[in-house]
Amino acid sequence: MTDATYAPSVPVSVMLPTFQRVEALLNTLEHLQQLRSRAAEIIVHVDGGDKVSGHALQENCPDVTVLQSKERVGPGGGRNRMLEAAAHPLVVSLDDHSYPVDEDFLEHVSAVMKAQRW
């Protein structure tokens, strides 16, 4: 799922909790790769009991940071774990089946936060 085309990186961590929705997750990740500027980091939390998502991510998305729980913690618990692991203070939280429709989404997020002197 990596693309050789250069896209500048925005200092943002994008996080996605998932549980057994591989097709939707890969679709979301594909859309994130098509943004004009890419997130500096994408983190996916695979909830406990999901036997398919982690393997699909390893095969298709080597640049994605994958966190996997042994027990079920739900999307909120997964978000907490991803927040702790995020490399950047600015974090965008999406669901595994949702993605930005504006190709400049991350640039807009970054600009708004800079304007707020965040």
Foldseek 3Di string as FASTA:
>chain_A
DADPDDAAEDAEEEEEEDEQPQVLLVVQVVVQNQANHHYPAYEYEYAAPRPPNVVSCVVPPVRHHYHYDNHGPDPVRSVVVVCVVDPGPHYHYDYSNDHDPHSCVSVVVRVVCVVVVD
